[in-house]
Amino acid sequence: MTVSNVDGFALVLLRFVPGIETAPYVPNAWLLWVLLAVAPLTIAGLVFLRDWRDGFSHAPREYLAAGTLWFYLTFQTAVFVAAFIEEFIVRKPSVYVTTSRSDAPSDD
């Protein structure tokens, strides 16, 4: 178990101890989370509304895809944070894998 896992685990356990507050102080934090939760669907709805007003139509699957935006943004944020931590905090060396193209001239 790494130090960060131990710290996170300790905060989760301390949350259940009466008298100890582990949540960060953010005024009206519930409002921030509500705005973050509805923002992707609101923006997608506004884009669809603008396109409808301009005479463009969308396939039904595009309307369903708007419901996956929140999951996509969450996953993308996790990937970005993990990459940032590996590159700038842990200083893990970057590995770039190149592929050869079949139409490129050979070095022979």
C-alpha atoms as a PDB file:
ATOM      1  CA  MET A   1       0.000   0.000   0.000  1.00  0.00           C
ATOM      2  CA  THR A   2       1.449   3.364  -0.953  1.00  0.00           C
ATOM      3  CA  VAL A   3       1.344   6.459   1.197  1.00  0.00           C
ATOM      4  CA  SER A   4      -1.386   8.062  -0.902  1.00  0.00           C
ATOM      5  CA  ASN A   5      -3.566   4.950  -0.578  1.00  0.00           C
ATOM      6  CA  VAL A   6      -3.071   4.929   3.177  1.00  0.00           C
ATOM      7  CA  ASP A   7      -3.953   8.625   3.440  1.00  0.00           C
ATOM      8  CA  GLY A   8      -7.081   8.184   1.325  1.00  0.00           C
ATOM      9  CA  PHE A   9      -8.140   5.110   3.285  1.00  0.00           C
ATOM     10  CA  ALA A  10      -7.621   6.954   6.575  1.00  0.00           C
ATOM     11  CA  LEU A  11      -9.791   9.853   5.412  1.00  0.00           C
ATOM     12  CA  VAL A  12     -12.565   7.443   4.461  1.00  0.00           C
ATOM     13  CA  LEU A  13     -12.431   5.840   7.907  1.00  0.00           C
ATOM     14  CA  LEU A  14     -12.246   9.184   9.721  1.00  0.00           C
ATOM     15  CA  ARG A  15     -15.394  10.321   7.960  1.00  0.00           C
ATOM     16  CA  PHE A  16     -17.405   7.957  10.175  1.00  0.00           C
ATOM     17  CA  VAL A  17     -15.870   9.181  13.454  1.00  0.00           C
ATOM     18  CA  PRO A  18     -18.181  11.679  15.180  1.00  0.00           C
ATOM     19  CA  GLY A  19     -16.686  15.132  15.593  1.00  0.00           C
ATOM     20  CA  ILE A  20     -14.118  14.814  12.798  1.00  0.00           C
ATOM     21  CA  GLU A  21     -14.874  16.625   9.569  1.00  0.00           C
ATOM     22  CA  THR A  22     -12.801  15.472   6.584  1.00  0.00           C
ATOM     23  CA  ALA A  23     -14.640  17.270   3.800  1.00  0.00           C
ATOM     24  CA  PRO A  24     -12.899  20.305   2.351  1.00  0.00           C
ATOM     25  CA  TYR A  25     -14.590  23.636   2.956  1.00  0.00           C
ATOM     26  CA  VAL A  26     -16.234  24.815  -0.220  1.00  0.00           C
ATOM     27  CA  PRO A  27     -19.194  27.146   0.258  1.00  0.00           C
ATOM     28  CA  ASN A  28     -22.312  25.694  -1.369  1.00  0.00           C
ATOM     29  CA  ALA A  29     -20.450  22.613  -2.585  1.00  0.00           C
ATOM     30  CA  TRP A  30     -23.746  20.911  -3.411  1.00  0.00           C
ATOM     31  CA  LEU A  31     -24.442  23.603  -6.002  1.00  0.00           C
ATOM     32  CA  LEU A  32     -21.068  23.002  -7.643  1.00  0.00           C
ATOM     33  CA  TRP A  33     -21.783  19.271  -7.935  1.00  0.00           C
ATOM     34  CA  VAL A  34     -25.269  19.897  -9.323  1.00  0.00           C
ATOM     35  CA  LEU A  35     -23.853  22.237 -11.975  1.00  0.00           C
ATOM     36  CA  LEU A  36     -21.156  19.727 -12.887  1.00  0.00           C
ATOM     37  CA  ALA A  37     -23.745  16.963 -13.145  1.00  0.00           C
ATOM     38  CA  VAL A  38     -26.154  18.803 -15.441  1.00  0.00           C
ATOM     39  CA  ALA A  39     -23.648  20.747 -17.558  1.00  0.00           C
ATOM     40  CA  PRO A  40     -22.977  18.062 -20.229  1.00  0.00           C
ATOM     41  CA  LEU A  41     -26.654  17.386 -20.873  1.00  0.00           C
ATOM     42  CA  THR A  42     -27.509  21.085 -20.816  1.00  0.00           C
ATOM     43  CA  ILE A  43     -24.810  21.960 -23.330  1.00  0.00           C
ATOM     44  CA  ALA A  44     -25.766  19.033 -25.581  1.00  0.00           C
ATOM     45  CA  GLY A  45     -29.402  20.114 -25.422  1.00  0.00           C
ATOM     46  CA  LEU A  46     -28.468  23.670 -26.372  1.00  0.00           C
ATOM     47  CA  VAL A  47     -26.429  22.429 -29.330  1.00  0.00           C
ATOM     48  CA  PHE A  48     -29.326  20.247 -30.521  1.00  0.00           C
ATOM     49  CA  LEU A  49     -31.722  23.154 -30.098  1.00  0.00           C
ATOM     50  CA  ARG A  50     -29.484  25.480 -32.098  1.00  0.00           C
ATOM     51  CA  ASP A  51     -29.087  22.868 -34.860  1.00  0.00           C
ATOM     52  CA  TRP A  52     -32.863  22.310 -34.971  1.00  0.00           C
ATOM     53  CA  ARG A  53     -33.415  26.053 -35.228  1.00  0.00           C
ATOM     54  CA  ASP A  54     -30.894  26.225 -38.109  1.00  0.00           C
ATOM     55  CA  GLY A  55     -32.589  23.345 -39.932  1.00  0.00           C
ATOM     56  CA  PHE A  56     -30.117  20.549 -39.179  1.00  0.00           C
ATOM     57  CA  SER A  57     -31.327  17.149 -38.024  1.00  0.00           C
ATOM     58  CA  HIS A  58     -29.553  14.514 -35.952  1.00  0.00           C
ATOM     59  CA  ALA A  59     -29.778  10.734 -35.881  1.00  0.00           C
ATOM     60  CA  PRO A  60     -31.544   9.323 -32.800  1.00  0.00           C
ATOM     61  CA  ARG A  61     -28.324   7.706 -31.580  1.00  0.00           C
ATOM     62  CA  GLU A  62     -26.753  11.159 -31.287  1.00  0.00           C
ATOM     63  CA  TYR A  63     -29.357  12.107 -28.691  1.00  0.00           C
ATOM     64  CA  LEU A  64     -28.535   8.943 -26.739  1.00  0.00           C
ATOM     65  CA  ALA A  65     -24.822   9.722 -26.937  1.00  0.00           C
ATOM     66  CA  ALA A  66     -25.400  12.955 -25.024  1.00  0.00           C
ATOM     67  CA  GLY A  67     -26.255  10.839 -21.981  1.00  0.00           C
ATOM     68  CA  THR A  68     -22.767   9.310 -21.986  1.00  0.00           C
ATOM     69  CA  LEU A  69     -20.961  12.661 -21.843  1.00  0.00           C
ATOM     70  CA  TRP A  70     -20.754  12.697 -18.057  1.00  0.00           C
ATOM     71  CA  PHE A  71     -19.109   9.259 -17.982  1.00  0.00           C
ATOM     72  CA  TYR A  72     -16.756  10.235 -20.803  1.00  0.00           C
ATOM     73  CA  LEU A  73     -15.719  13.456 -19.061  1.00  0.00           C
ATOM     74  CA  THR A  74     -15.120  11.596 -15.796  1.00  0.00           C
ATOM     75  CA  PHE A  75     -12.984   8.965 -17.518  1.00  0.00           C
ATOM     76  CA  GLN A  76     -11.070  11.587 -19.514  1.00  0.00           C
ATOM     77  CA  THR A  77     -10.352  13.565 -16.344  1.00  0.00           C
ATOM     78  CA  ALA A  78      -9.054  10.451 -14.579  1.00  0.00           C
ATOM     79  CA  VAL A  79      -6.754   9.666 -17.515  1.00  0.00           C
ATOM     80  CA  PHE A  80      -5.461  13.242 -17.610  1.00  0.00           C
ATOM     81  CA  VAL A  81      -4.784  13.337 -13.863  1.00  0.00           C
ATOM     82  CA  ALA A  82      -3.038   9.947 -13.951  1.00  0.00           C
ATOM     83  CA  ALA A  83      -0.833  11.041 -16.854  1.00  0.00           C
ATOM     84  CA  PHE A  84       0.008  14.321 -15.100  1.00  0.00           C
ATOM     85  CA  ILE A  85       0.957  12.516 -11.890  1.00  0.00           C
ATOM     86  CA  GLU A  86       3.121   9.980 -13.730  1.00  0.00           C
ATOM     87  CA  GLU A  87       4.943  12.584 -15.802  1.00  0.00           C
ATOM     88  CA  PHE A  88       5.408  15.516 -13.441  1.00  0.00           C
ATOM     89  CA  ILE A  89       5.159  14.154  -9.898  1.00  0.00           C
ATOM     90  CA  VAL A  90       6.487  10.590 -10.097  1.00  0.00           C
ATOM     91  CA  ARG A  91       8.852  11.576 -12.962  1.00  0.00           C
ATOM     92  CA  LYS A  92       8.240   8.283 -14.719  1.00  0.00           C
ATOM     93  CA  PRO A  93      10.136   8.224 -18.033  1.00  0.00           C
ATOM     94  CA  SER A  94       7.970   8.668 -21.101  1.00  0.00           C
ATOM     95  CA  VAL A  95       7.857   5.801 -23.567  1.00  0.00           C
ATOM     96  CA  TYR A  96       6.908   6.599 -27.116  1.00  0.00           C
ATOM     97  CA  VAL A  97       6.139   3.689 -29.399  1.00  0.00           C
ATOM     98  CA  THR A  98       6.479   4.360 -33.087  1.00  0.00           C
ATOM     99  CA  THR A  99       5.083   2.177 -35.818  1.00  0.00           C
ATOM    100  CA  SER A 100       6.509   1.655 -39.239  1.00  0.00           C
ATOM    101  CA  ARG A 101       4.445   2.563 -42.258  1.00  0.00           C
ATOM    102  CA  SER A 102       4.266   0.169 -45.155  1.00  0.00           C
ATOM    103  CA  ASP A 103       4.548   2.971 -47.736  1.00  0.00           C
ATOM    104  CA  ALA A 104       7.624   4.558 -46.136  1.00  0.00           C
ATOM    105  CA  PRO A 105      11.014   3.933 -47.750  1.00  0.00           C
ATOM    106  CA  SER A 106      13.126   1.463 -45.855  1.00  0.00           C
ATOM    107  CA  ASP A 107      16.460   2.366 -44.260  1.00  0.00           C
ATOM    108  CA  ASP A 108      18.259  -0.566 -45.935  1.00  0.00           C
END
